[in-house]
Amino acid sequence: MASFAGPGNGRRSASRESREAGGEDLLGADPSVFVLVSCDPSSFARDAALLGAAGFELDRWTVVDLFPGTSHVETVARFTR
């Protein structure tokens, strides 16, 4: 998900409409494998559900600690058709 400088915390997410359009573009390419990387469990769950609705199945996943000593982790998952 793209982020942009904005008021408040200095970052804001791309609009829902632009995220959905980007997802449609990616799925329109008809990939057989889709790798999803997310730093937020709730957005991972949302995007995984969208992939499931598009006919993908979760093949494997892992959590990667790119920032040791913090609570931040990345979820990386492979979805296949």
C-alpha atoms as a PDB file:
ATOM      1  CA  MET A   1       0.000   0.000   0.000  1.00  0.00           C
ATOM      2  CA  ALA A   2       1.386   3.401  -0.925  1.00  0.00           C
ATOM      3  CA  SER A   3       1.688   6.131   1.669  1.00  0.00           C
ATOM      4  CA  PHE A   4       2.055   9.852   1.247  1.00  0.00           C
ATOM      5  CA  ALA A   5       3.048  12.776   3.423  1.00  0.00           C
ATOM      6  CA  GLY A   6       0.016  14.309   5.036  1.00  0.00           C
ATOM      7  CA  PRO A   7      -1.140  16.222   8.092  1.00  0.00           C
ATOM      8  CA  GLY A   8      -1.044  14.653  11.545  1.00  0.00           C
ATOM      9  CA  ASN A   9       1.365  11.750  11.723  1.00  0.00           C
ATOM     10  CA  GLY A  10       3.131  12.703   8.500  1.00  0.00           C
ATOM     11  CA  ARG A  11       1.778   9.708   6.579  1.00  0.00           C
ATOM     12  CA  ARG A  12      -1.537   8.684   5.166  1.00  0.00           C
ATOM     13  CA  SER A  13      -2.656   5.714   3.154  1.00  0.00           C
ATOM     14  CA  ALA A  14      -3.593   5.831  -0.488  1.00  0.00           C
ATOM     15  CA  SER A  15      -7.330   6.199  -0.975  1.00  0.00           C
ATOM     16  CA  ARG A  16      -9.469   3.083  -0.920  1.00  0.00           C
ATOM     17  CA  GLU A  17     -10.427   3.716  -4.541  1.00  0.00           C
ATOM     18  CA  SER A  18      -6.807   3.832  -5.706  1.00  0.00           C
ATOM     19  CA  ARG A  19      -5.956   0.659  -3.736  1.00  0.00           C
ATOM     20  CA  GLU A  20      -8.907  -1.197  -5.240  1.00  0.00           C
ATOM     21  CA  ALA A  21      -8.029  -0.004  -8.755  1.00  0.00           C
ATOM     22  CA  GLY A  22      -4.439  -1.147  -8.262  1.00  0.00           C
ATOM     23  CA  GLY A  23      -5.629  -4.537  -7.034  1.00  0.00           C
ATOM     24  CA  GLU A  24      -7.893  -4.935 -10.040  1.00  0.00           C
ATOM     25  CA  ASP A  25      -4.957  -4.112 -12.332  1.00  0.00           C
ATOM     26  CA  LEU A  26      -2.757  -6.725 -10.643  1.00  0.00           C
ATOM     27  CA  LEU A  27      -5.430  -9.422 -10.698  1.00  0.00           C
ATOM     28  CA  GLY A  28      -6.306  -8.495 -14.282  1.00  0.00           C
ATOM     29  CA  ALA A  29      -2.840  -9.684 -15.282  1.00  0.00           C
ATOM     30  CA  ASP A  30      -4.115 -13.175 -14.322  1.00  0.00           C
ATOM     31  CA  PRO A  31      -1.095 -14.290 -12.277  1.00  0.00           C
ATOM     32  CA  SER A  32      -0.881 -17.905 -11.117  1.00  0.00           C
ATOM     33  CA  VAL A  33       1.178 -16.886  -8.059  1.00  0.00           C
ATOM     34  CA  PHE A  34       0.708 -13.767  -5.945  1.00  0.00           C
ATOM     35  CA  VAL A  35       3.093 -12.803  -3.124  1.00  0.00           C
ATOM     36  CA  LEU A  36       1.626 -10.474  -0.522  1.00  0.00           C
ATOM     37  CA  VAL A  37       3.879  -8.552   1.882  1.00  0.00           C
ATOM     38  CA  SER A  38       2.295  -6.553   4.661  1.00  0.00           C
ATOM     39  CA  CYS A  39       3.441  -4.766   7.805  1.00  0.00           C
ATOM     40  CA  ASP A  40      -0.091  -4.523   9.222  1.00  0.00           C
ATOM     41  CA  PRO A  41      -2.053  -7.645  10.267  1.00  0.00           C
ATOM     42  CA  SER A  42      -5.441  -6.037   9.564  1.00  0.00           C
ATOM     43  CA  SER A  43      -4.507  -4.973   6.023  1.00  0.00           C
ATOM     44  CA  PHE A  44      -2.989  -8.408   5.438  1.00  0.00           C
ATOM     45  CA  ALA A  45      -6.291 -10.023   6.463  1.00  0.00           C
ATOM     46  CA  ARG A  46      -8.247  -7.646   4.212  1.00  0.00           C
ATOM     47  CA  ASP A  47      -6.014  -8.240   1.190  1.00  0.00           C
ATOM     48  CA  ALA A  48      -5.842 -12.007   1.787  1.00  0.00           C
ATOM     49  CA  ALA A  49      -9.650 -12.109   1.791  1.00  0.00           C
ATOM     50  CA  LEU A  50      -9.709 -10.230  -1.527  1.00  0.00           C
ATOM     51  CA  LEU A  51      -7.238 -12.704  -3.004  1.00  0.00           C
ATOM     52  CA  GLY A  52      -9.345 -15.602  -1.730  1.00  0.00           C
ATOM     53  CA  ALA A  53     -12.430 -14.104  -3.351  1.00  0.00           C
ATOM     54  CA  ALA A  54     -10.457 -13.868  -6.612  1.00  0.00           C
ATOM     55  CA  GLY A  55      -9.748 -17.616  -6.553  1.00  0.00           C
ATOM     56  CA  PHE A  56      -6.364 -17.701  -4.827  1.00  0.00           C
ATOM     57  CA  GLU A  57      -5.488 -20.096  -2.016  1.00  0.00           C
ATOM     58  CA  LEU A  58      -2.926 -19.441   0.691  1.00  0.00           C
ATOM     59  CA  ASP A  59      -0.015 -21.753  -0.100  1.00  0.00           C
ATOM     60  CA  ARG A  60       2.474 -20.735   2.590  1.00  0.00           C
ATOM     61  CA  TRP A  61       3.278 -17.800   4.826  1.00  0.00           C
ATOM     62  CA  THR A  62       5.864 -16.592   7.294  1.00  0.00           C
ATOM     63  CA  VAL A  63       6.569 -13.644   9.551  1.00  0.00           C
ATOM     64  CA  VAL A  64       9.862 -11.794   9.062  1.00  0.00           C
ATOM     65  CA  ASP A  65      11.449  -9.633  11.764  1.00  0.00           C
ATOM     66  CA  LEU A  66      13.172  -6.909   9.734  1.00  0.00           C
ATOM     67  CA  PHE A  67      13.422  -4.556  12.709  1.00  0.00           C
ATOM     68  CA  PRO A  68      14.819  -6.496  15.686  1.00  0.00           C
ATOM     69  CA  GLY A  69      14.121  -4.937  19.054  1.00  0.00           C
ATOM     70  CA  THR A  70      10.798  -3.454  17.898  1.00  0.00           C
ATOM     71  CA  SER A  71       7.264  -4.809  17.697  1.00  0.00           C
ATOM     72  CA  HIS A  72       7.204  -4.400  13.894  1.00  0.00           C
ATOM     73  CA  VAL A  73       7.113  -7.528  11.736  1.00  0.00           C
ATOM     74  CA  GLU A  74       6.348  -8.213   8.081  1.00  0.00           C
ATOM     75  CA  THR A  75       3.961 -10.951   7.002  1.00  0.00           C
ATOM     76  CA  VAL A  76       4.911 -12.559   3.691  1.00  0.00           C
ATOM     77  CA  ALA A  77       2.505 -14.987   2.020  1.00  0.00           C
ATOM     78  CA  ARG A  78       2.339 -16.891  -1.236  1.00  0.00           C
ATOM     79  CA  PHE A  79      -1.075 -17.377  -2.828  1.00  0.00           C
ATOM     80  CA  THR A  80      -1.633 -19.684  -5.802  1.00  0.00           C
ATOM     81  CA  ARG A  81      -4.492 -20.499  -8.167  1.00  0.00           C
END
